[in-house]
Amino acid sequence: MLTRLASPTHEEVYRVEDHASGLRGFIALHSTRLGPAAGGLRMRVYEGDDAALEDVLNLSHGMSYKNAAAGLPLGGGKAVILGDPARDKTPALLRAMGRAINMLQGRYWTAEDMGMSPEDMAELARETRFVAGLDCGAHASGDPSPVTARGVLAAMRAGAAQLWGTDTLSGRHVAVQGLGHVGWHLCHLLHEAGAKLSVADMNPAHADSTVREFGATMVDPRTIHAVDADIFAPCAIGGVLNARNIPEIGAKMICGAANNQLATPEDAERLRARGILYLPDYVANGGGIINVAAEILRISPRAPWVEERLGAMQARMAHILTRATGEDLSPATLADRMVEEQLLQVAV
């Protein structure tokens, strides 16, 4: 079921296969310096195994940085399943993935990500205890999406204060790319805050419902990044900020829930050269893993613990933005340096 793959960048990487259920996927543990590797399980259509492997490696690396930036005693890991969740996901497939995760004996904890739900986590939990994001149980945290969205909103406020001198989002125009669980909750919060919304999603039904619910303007997913908005919020897949489309971006600030938004590290400097304030994604979107961590770490009472860490995350973002300005660096570059110093201190 598990075949270990060699990796110069990660502690452990596995191919996962179960022919009886049709399961094909990967599990990657980037780092366990701070604690057991933690990160969600996603299921999506990939072009092939190489694309899925690249995704799980990038995502698990990002989780190491996200967990460290959030001040959590957790390392970085991720798991992916190849397939269409609407067509290929079955209880047998999920339970097979649960057995694979259980074979790692707690070195990796999984939770909900793209293409997954709390109900799916419950199916995995029939085979392993190393799963969080459950709907019931003594420390159940449920769907992390609303908390992720709250963290992104808090990061936007920190960015607004840095850029415009006030953290209010009322009257600000936000272009949201991706209207899945987190994107929809973010639109809800922005609507309540008085923001104007432009939205796009590859699923027309998601876009239609968001337009109706929040009075948003629908935009073609291929051009949402170019909307003349105050803030661009990528909330879908990664790698959406690249050398080709950065010259087309119409917003003054980028802050969203998607992981690994920069296609390459050099894209941070391309954004800075254009005068666009980029808020490091793994700091902005850390609310979900904070919520999940309360379950993994068996925190009780959980609500004040989560609130305290959400506040600390917003303060950390404000600190990164202020310090980056003072040192004439991209906030992404500075955030990476801060996390790498933190991880190095643990290693020595």
Protein backbone atom coordinates (compact mmCIF):
# COMPACT_ATOMS: atom_id res chain seq x y z
CA MET A 1 0.00 0.00 0.00
CA LEU A 2 2.85 2.41 0.84
CA THR A 3 5.93 2.68 -1.34
CA ARG A 4 8.61 5.00 0.00
CA LEU A 5 10.12 7.40 -2.53
CA ALA A 6 13.54 9.04 -2.26
CA SER A 7 13.46 12.79 -1.67
CA PRO A 8 16.29 15.29 -1.11
CA THR A 9 13.88 17.87 0.34
CA HIS A 10 11.45 15.91 2.53
CA GLU A 11 11.82 13.57 5.49
CA GLU A 12 9.39 10.98 4.09
CA VAL A 13 7.45 10.67 0.83
CA TYR A 14 5.15 7.77 -0.08
CA ARG A 15 3.18 6.59 -3.07
CA VAL A 16 -0.18 5.22 -1.90
CA GLU A 17 -1.99 2.54 -3.91
CA ASP A 18 -4.90 0.23 -3.20
CA HIS A 19 -6.09 -1.62 -6.27
CA ALA A 20 -9.28 -2.95 -4.67
CA SER A 21 -10.65 0.56 -4.00
CA GLY A 22 -8.93 2.33 -6.90
CA LEU A 23 -6.91 4.55 -4.56
CA ARG A 24 -3.92 6.36 -6.06
CA GLY A 25 -2.22 9.12 -4.13
CA PHE A 26 0.78 10.44 -2.23
CA ILE A 27 1.68 11.37 1.34
CA ALA A 28 4.58 13.75 2.02
CA LEU A 29 6.13 14.63 5.37
CA HIS A 30 8.29 17.69 4.84
CA SER A 31 9.43 18.29 8.42
CA THR A 32 8.77 17.00 11.93
CA ARG A 33 11.17 19.35 13.70
CA LEU A 34 8.38 21.10 15.58
CA GLY A 35 6.15 18.04 16.05
CA PRO A 36 4.16 15.50 14.05
CA ALA A 37 3.56 16.56 10.45
CA ALA A 38 0.06 17.96 9.95
CA GLY A 39 -1.76 19.06 6.84
CA GLY A 40 -4.92 18.33 4.93
CA LEU A 41 -5.91 15.65 2.47
CA ARG A 42 -7.07 16.91 -0.91
CA MET A 43 -8.66 15.09 -3.81
CA ARG A 44 -8.68 16.56 -7.28
CA VAL A 45 -8.14 15.74 -10.91
CA TYR A 46 -4.44 15.86 -11.80
CA GLU A 47 -2.83 15.54 -15.22
CA GLY A 48 -0.92 12.55 -13.88
CA ASP A 49 1.21 11.17 -11.08
CA ASP A 50 4.01 13.68 -11.63
CA ALA A 51 1.63 16.61 -11.19
CA ALA A 52 0.14 15.09 -8.04
CA LEU A 53 3.58 14.42 -6.59
CA GLU A 54 4.72 17.97 -7.30
CA ASP A 55 1.58 19.28 -5.61
CA VAL A 56 1.99 17.20 -2.45
CA LEU A 57 5.66 18.18 -2.16
CA ASN A 58 4.90 21.89 -2.52
CA LEU A 59 1.91 21.77 -0.20
CA SER A 60 3.71 19.85 2.55
CA HIS A 61 6.62 22.28 2.39
CA GLY A 62 4.15 25.13 2.75
CA MET A 63 2.56 23.42 5.76
CA SER A 64 5.89 23.40 7.60
CA TYR A 65 6.06 27.16 7.14
CA LYS A 66 2.37 27.68 7.93
CA ASN A 67 2.49 25.71 11.18
CA ALA A 68 5.68 27.42 12.29
CA ALA A 69 4.31 30.87 11.46
CA ALA A 70 1.17 30.10 13.47
CA GLY A 71 3.26 29.14 16.50
CA LEU A 72 2.04 25.53 16.51
CA PRO A 73 4.02 22.50 17.77
CA LEU A 74 3.41 20.73 14.47
CA GLY A 75 5.49 19.95 11.42
CA GLY A 76 4.40 20.04 7.80
CA GLY A 77 2.73 17.27 5.84
CA LYS A 78 0.14 16.76 3.13
CA ALA A 79 -1.70 14.00 1.31
CA VAL A 80 -3.37 13.95 -2.11
CA ILE A 81 -5.67 11.53 -3.91
CA LEU A 82 -5.88 11.49 -7.69
CA GLY A 83 -9.45 11.56 -8.94
CA ASP A 84 -12.65 13.50 -9.31
CA PRO A 85 -14.23 13.77 -5.84
CA ALA A 86 -17.70 14.06 -7.35
CA ARG A 87 -17.29 10.81 -9.30
CA ASP A 88 -14.48 8.71 -7.83
CA LYS A 89 -14.73 9.21 -4.07
CA THR A 90 -16.13 6.17 -2.26
CA PRO A 91 -16.16 4.95 1.36
CA ALA A 92 -13.82 2.12 0.36
CA LEU A 93 -11.32 4.56 -1.17
CA LEU A 94 -11.39 6.81 1.90
CA ARG A 95 -11.00 3.91 4.28
CA ALA A 96 -8.02 2.67 2.27
CA MET A 97 -6.42 6.09 2.64
CA GLY A 98 -7.14 5.92 6.35
CA ARG A 99 -5.28 2.63 6.59
CA ALA A 100 -2.32 4.13 4.74
CA ILE A 101 -2.20 7.10 7.13
CA ASN A 102 -2.43 4.75 10.10
CA MET A 103 0.66 2.90 8.90
CA LEU A 104 2.69 6.07 9.60
CA GLN A 105 1.87 5.67 13.33
CA GLY A 106 1.14 9.30 14.09
CA ARG A 107 4.03 10.91 12.22
CA TYR A 108 1.35 12.45 9.96
CA TRP A 109 -2.06 13.85 10.94
CA THR A 110 -4.56 14.62 8.21
CA ALA A 111 -7.63 16.86 7.99
CA GLU A 112 -10.02 18.31 5.42
CA ASP A 113 -8.76 20.05 2.30
CA MET A 114 -9.95 20.56 -1.27
CA GLY A 115 -12.46 17.91 -2.33
CA MET A 116 -12.96 16.67 1.23
CA SER A 117 -15.59 17.19 3.94
CA PRO A 118 -16.03 16.45 7.67
CA GLU A 119 -18.08 13.41 6.63
CA ASP A 120 -15.09 12.14 4.66
CA MET A 121 -12.86 12.66 7.69
CA ALA A 122 -15.26 10.50 9.71
CA GLU A 123 -14.84 7.74 7.12
CA LEU A 124 -11.05 7.93 7.43
CA ALA A 125 -11.41 7.87 11.22
CA ARG A 126 -12.88 4.37 10.97
CA GLU A 127 -9.36 3.22 10.08
CA THR A 128 -7.07 5.66 11.92
CA ARG A 129 -7.12 7.99 14.90
CA PHE A 130 -4.66 10.35 13.22
CA VAL A 131 -7.36 12.48 11.61
CA ALA A 132 -8.85 15.82 12.63
CA GLY A 133 -11.60 18.07 11.32
CA LEU A 134 -14.28 15.74 12.67
CA ASP A 135 -17.84 16.86 13.37
CA CYS A 136 -18.23 14.99 16.65
CA GLY A 137 -16.09 13.86 19.54
CA ALA A 138 -14.57 15.32 22.67
CA HIS A 139 -12.27 17.73 20.80
CA ALA A 140 -13.94 17.81 17.37
CA SER A 141 -13.09 20.91 15.35
CA GLY A 142 -15.39 20.40 12.34
CA ASP A 143 -14.99 22.16 9.03
CA PRO A 144 -11.90 24.44 9.23
CA SER A 145 -13.08 26.62 6.33
CA PRO A 146 -14.91 29.32 8.36
CA VAL A 147 -11.88 29.80 10.62
CA THR A 148 -9.54 29.94 7.62
CA ALA A 149 -11.74 32.67 6.14
CA ARG A 150 -11.68 34.61 9.42
CA GLY A 151 -7.90 34.50 9.42
CA VAL A 152 -7.73 35.76 5.83
CA LEU A 153 -10.09 38.61 6.71
CA ALA A 154 -7.90 39.54 9.69
CA ALA A 155 -4.83 39.51 7.43
CA MET A 156 -6.65 41.77 4.95
CA ARG A 157 -7.29 44.22 7.77
CA ALA A 158 -3.59 44.21 8.66
CA GLY A 159 -2.73 44.84 5.01
CA ALA A 160 -5.32 47.60 4.69
CA ALA A 161 -3.88 49.34 7.73
CA GLN A 162 -0.41 49.16 6.20
CA LEU A 163 -1.49 50.31 2.75
CA TRP A 164 -4.30 52.79 3.43
CA GLY A 165 -3.83 53.76 7.08
CA THR A 166 -7.07 52.16 8.28
CA ASP A 167 -8.08 48.53 8.72
CA THR A 168 -11.67 49.07 7.61
CA LEU A 169 -12.75 47.08 4.57
CA SER A 170 -16.03 48.92 4.09
CA GLY A 171 -16.21 50.24 0.54
CA ARG A 172 -13.13 48.28 -0.56
CA HIS A 173 -13.43 46.34 -3.82
CA VAL A 174 -12.26 42.73 -3.42
CA ALA A 175 -11.90 40.30 -6.36
CA VAL A 176 -12.26 36.73 -5.06
CA GLN A 177 -10.94 33.85 -7.17
CA GLY A 178 -12.44 30.52 -6.14
CA LEU A 179 -15.74 30.08 -4.30
CA GLY A 180 -15.34 26.74 -2.59
CA HIS A 181 -15.68 26.33 1.16
CA VAL A 182 -13.18 29.02 2.18
CA GLY A 183 -13.89 31.41 -0.70
CA TRP A 184 -17.63 31.42 0.04
CA HIS A 185 -17.09 32.06 3.76
CA LEU A 186 -14.64 34.85 2.92
CA CYS A 187 -17.23 36.48 0.64
CA HIS A 188 -19.77 36.25 3.46
CA LEU A 189 -17.42 38.01 5.88
CA LEU A 190 -16.42 40.65 3.33
CA HIS A 191 -20.08 41.32 2.52
CA GLU A 192 -20.80 41.80 6.23
CA ALA A 193 -17.81 44.16 6.43
CA GLY A 194 -19.28 46.32 3.65
CA ALA A 195 -16.89 45.37 0.86
CA LYS A 196 -17.81 45.36 -2.84
CA LEU A 197 -17.27 41.92 -4.40
CA SER A 198 -16.25 40.64 -7.81
CA VAL A 199 -16.14 36.84 -7.92
CA ALA A 200 -15.12 33.99 -10.21
CA ASP A 201 -15.22 30.21 -10.08
CA MET A 202 -14.80 27.42 -12.59
CA ASN A 203 -18.15 26.06 -11.37
CA PRO A 204 -20.87 28.43 -12.66
CA ALA A 205 -23.29 27.27 -9.96
CA HIS A 206 -20.90 28.43 -7.23
CA ALA A 207 -20.54 31.82 -8.91
CA ASP A 208 -24.30 32.18 -9.45
CA SER A 209 -25.17 31.49 -5.82
CA THR A 210 -22.50 33.91 -4.53
CA VAL A 211 -23.72 36.64 -6.86
CA ARG A 212 -27.29 36.19 -5.62
CA GLU A 213 -26.39 35.95 -1.95
CA PHE A 214 -23.96 38.82 -1.66
CA GLY A 215 -24.78 41.11 -4.58
CA ALA A 216 -21.44 40.33 -6.18
CA THR A 217 -20.40 40.88 -9.79
CA MET A 218 -19.52 37.74 -11.74
CA VAL A 219 -16.23 37.76 -13.65
CA ASP A 220 -14.66 35.31 -16.07
CA PRO A 221 -12.24 33.05 -14.10
CA ARG A 222 -9.58 33.74 -16.73
CA THR A 223 -9.59 37.49 -16.04
CA ILE A 224 -10.49 37.84 -12.34
CA HIS A 225 -6.86 38.68 -11.52
CA ALA A 226 -7.01 41.71 -13.83
CA VAL A 227 -10.07 43.32 -12.22
CA ASP A 228 -9.46 46.93 -11.16
CA ALA A 229 -9.96 46.18 -7.46
CA ASP A 230 -8.38 47.19 -4.18
CA ILE A 231 -7.66 43.59 -3.16
CA PHE A 232 -7.21 40.37 -5.13
CA ALA A 233 -8.00 37.26 -3.07
CA PRO A 234 -6.82 33.95 -4.63
CA CYS A 235 -8.84 31.18 -2.94
CA ALA A 236 -8.49 28.30 -5.41
CA ILE A 237 -5.40 26.36 -6.51
CA GLY A 238 -1.79 27.47 -6.14
CA GLY A 239 0.68 28.96 -8.61
CA VAL A 240 -1.76 31.65 -9.76
CA LEU A 241 0.74 34.51 -9.46
CA ASN A 242 3.34 34.18 -12.18
CA ALA A 243 5.50 36.06 -14.65
CA ARG A 244 2.77 35.99 -17.29
CA ASN A 245 -0.12 37.43 -15.28
CA ILE A 246 1.56 39.63 -12.68
CA PRO A 247 1.75 42.52 -15.22
CA GLU A 248 -2.04 42.21 -15.62
CA ILE A 249 -3.02 42.31 -11.94
CA GLY A 250 -5.30 45.26 -11.22
CA ALA A 251 -5.28 45.24 -7.39
CA LYS A 252 -2.98 47.07 -5.01
CA MET A 253 -2.96 44.22 -2.49
CA ILE A 254 -3.08 40.41 -2.72
CA CYS A 255 -4.38 38.40 0.22
CA GLY A 256 -6.16 35.07 -0.15
CA ALA A 257 -6.70 31.57 1.15
CA ALA A 258 -4.99 29.55 -1.61
CA ASN A 259 -1.77 27.74 -0.75
CA ASN A 260 1.47 28.36 -2.67
CA GLN A 261 0.09 31.32 -4.61
CA LEU A 262 3.49 32.28 -6.04
CA ALA A 263 4.51 30.13 -9.00
CA THR A 264 8.19 30.83 -8.17
CA PRO A 265 9.98 32.69 -5.36
CA GLU A 266 10.99 35.35 -7.90
CA ASP A 267 7.33 36.29 -8.33
CA ALA A 268 7.40 37.99 -4.92
CA GLU A 269 9.88 40.50 -6.30
CA ARG A 270 7.85 40.93 -9.48
CA LEU A 271 4.87 41.93 -7.36
CA ARG A 272 6.98 44.32 -5.26
CA ALA A 273 8.40 45.92 -8.41
CA ARG A 274 4.82 46.69 -9.48
CA GLY A 275 4.01 48.25 -6.12
CA ILE A 276 1.58 45.44 -5.19
CA LEU A 277 1.50 44.48 -1.50
CA TYR A 278 1.58 40.68 -1.31
CA LEU A 279 0.60 39.14 2.02
CA PRO A 280 2.39 35.78 2.50
CA ASP A 281 -0.24 33.11 1.94
CA TYR A 282 0.83 30.70 4.67
CA VAL A 283 0.52 33.45 7.28
CA ALA A 284 -2.81 34.73 5.97
CA ASN A 285 -4.47 31.32 5.65
CA GLY A 286 -3.28 29.74 8.90
CA GLY A 287 -6.66 29.91 10.65
CA GLY A 288 -7.74 26.50 9.43
CA ILE A 289 -4.71 24.65 10.78
CA ILE A 290 -5.04 26.51 14.08
CA ASN A 291 -8.59 25.20 14.31
CA VAL A 292 -7.46 21.67 13.44
CA ALA A 293 -4.49 21.86 15.83
CA ALA A 294 -6.85 22.34 18.77
CA GLU A 295 -8.26 18.92 17.95
CA ILE A 296 -4.88 17.24 17.37
CA LEU A 297 -3.46 18.67 20.60
CA ARG A 298 -6.66 17.92 22.59
CA ILE A 299 -7.07 21.55 23.70
CA SER A 300 -9.93 22.32 26.09
CA PRO A 301 -11.55 24.78 26.14
CA ARG A 302 -10.75 25.20 22.46
CA ALA A 303 -12.56 28.45 21.55
CA PRO A 304 -10.38 30.88 23.57
CA TRP A 305 -7.24 29.03 22.48
CA VAL A 306 -8.20 29.43 18.81
CA GLU A 307 -9.13 33.09 19.28
CA GLU A 308 -5.83 33.87 20.97
CA ARG A 309 -3.88 32.35 18.11
CA LEU A 310 -5.94 34.06 15.44
CA GLY A 311 -5.15 37.38 17.13
CA ALA A 312 -1.46 36.49 17.31
CA MET A 313 -1.50 35.55 13.62
CA GLN A 314 -2.93 38.96 12.67
CA ALA A 315 -0.30 40.66 14.82
CA ARG A 316 2.43 38.60 13.17
CA MET A 317 1.22 39.64 9.74
CA ALA A 318 1.24 43.31 10.78
CA HIS A 319 4.78 42.86 12.11
CA ILE A 320 5.94 41.23 8.86
CA LEU A 321 4.47 44.04 6.76
CA THR A 322 6.00 46.79 8.91
CA ARG A 323 9.40 45.15 9.07
CA ALA A 324 9.41 44.36 5.34
CA THR A 325 8.78 48.02 4.57
CA GLY A 326 11.61 49.06 6.87
CA GLU A 327 14.05 46.57 5.36
CA ASP A 328 12.90 47.21 1.76
CA LEU A 329 11.97 43.55 1.22
CA SER A 330 9.00 41.67 -0.09
CA PRO A 331 6.85 40.47 2.84
CA ALA A 332 7.11 36.96 1.35
CA THR A 333 10.90 37.05 1.50
CA LEU A 334 10.90 38.34 5.06
CA ALA A 335 8.32 35.81 6.24
CA ASP A 336 10.38 32.94 4.79
CA ARG A 337 13.50 34.21 6.58
CA MET A 338 11.67 34.47 9.89
CA VAL A 339 10.30 30.94 9.66
CA GLU A 340 13.63 29.48 8.52
CA GLU A 341 15.36 31.09 11.50
CA GLN A 342 12.69 29.62 13.77
CA LEU A 343 13.15 26.12 12.32
CA LEU A 344 16.95 26.40 12.50
CA GLN A 345 16.77 27.26 16.21
CA VAL A 346 14.83 24.04 16.80
CA ALA A 347 17.32 21.97 14.81
CA VAL A 348 20.45 23.09 16.74
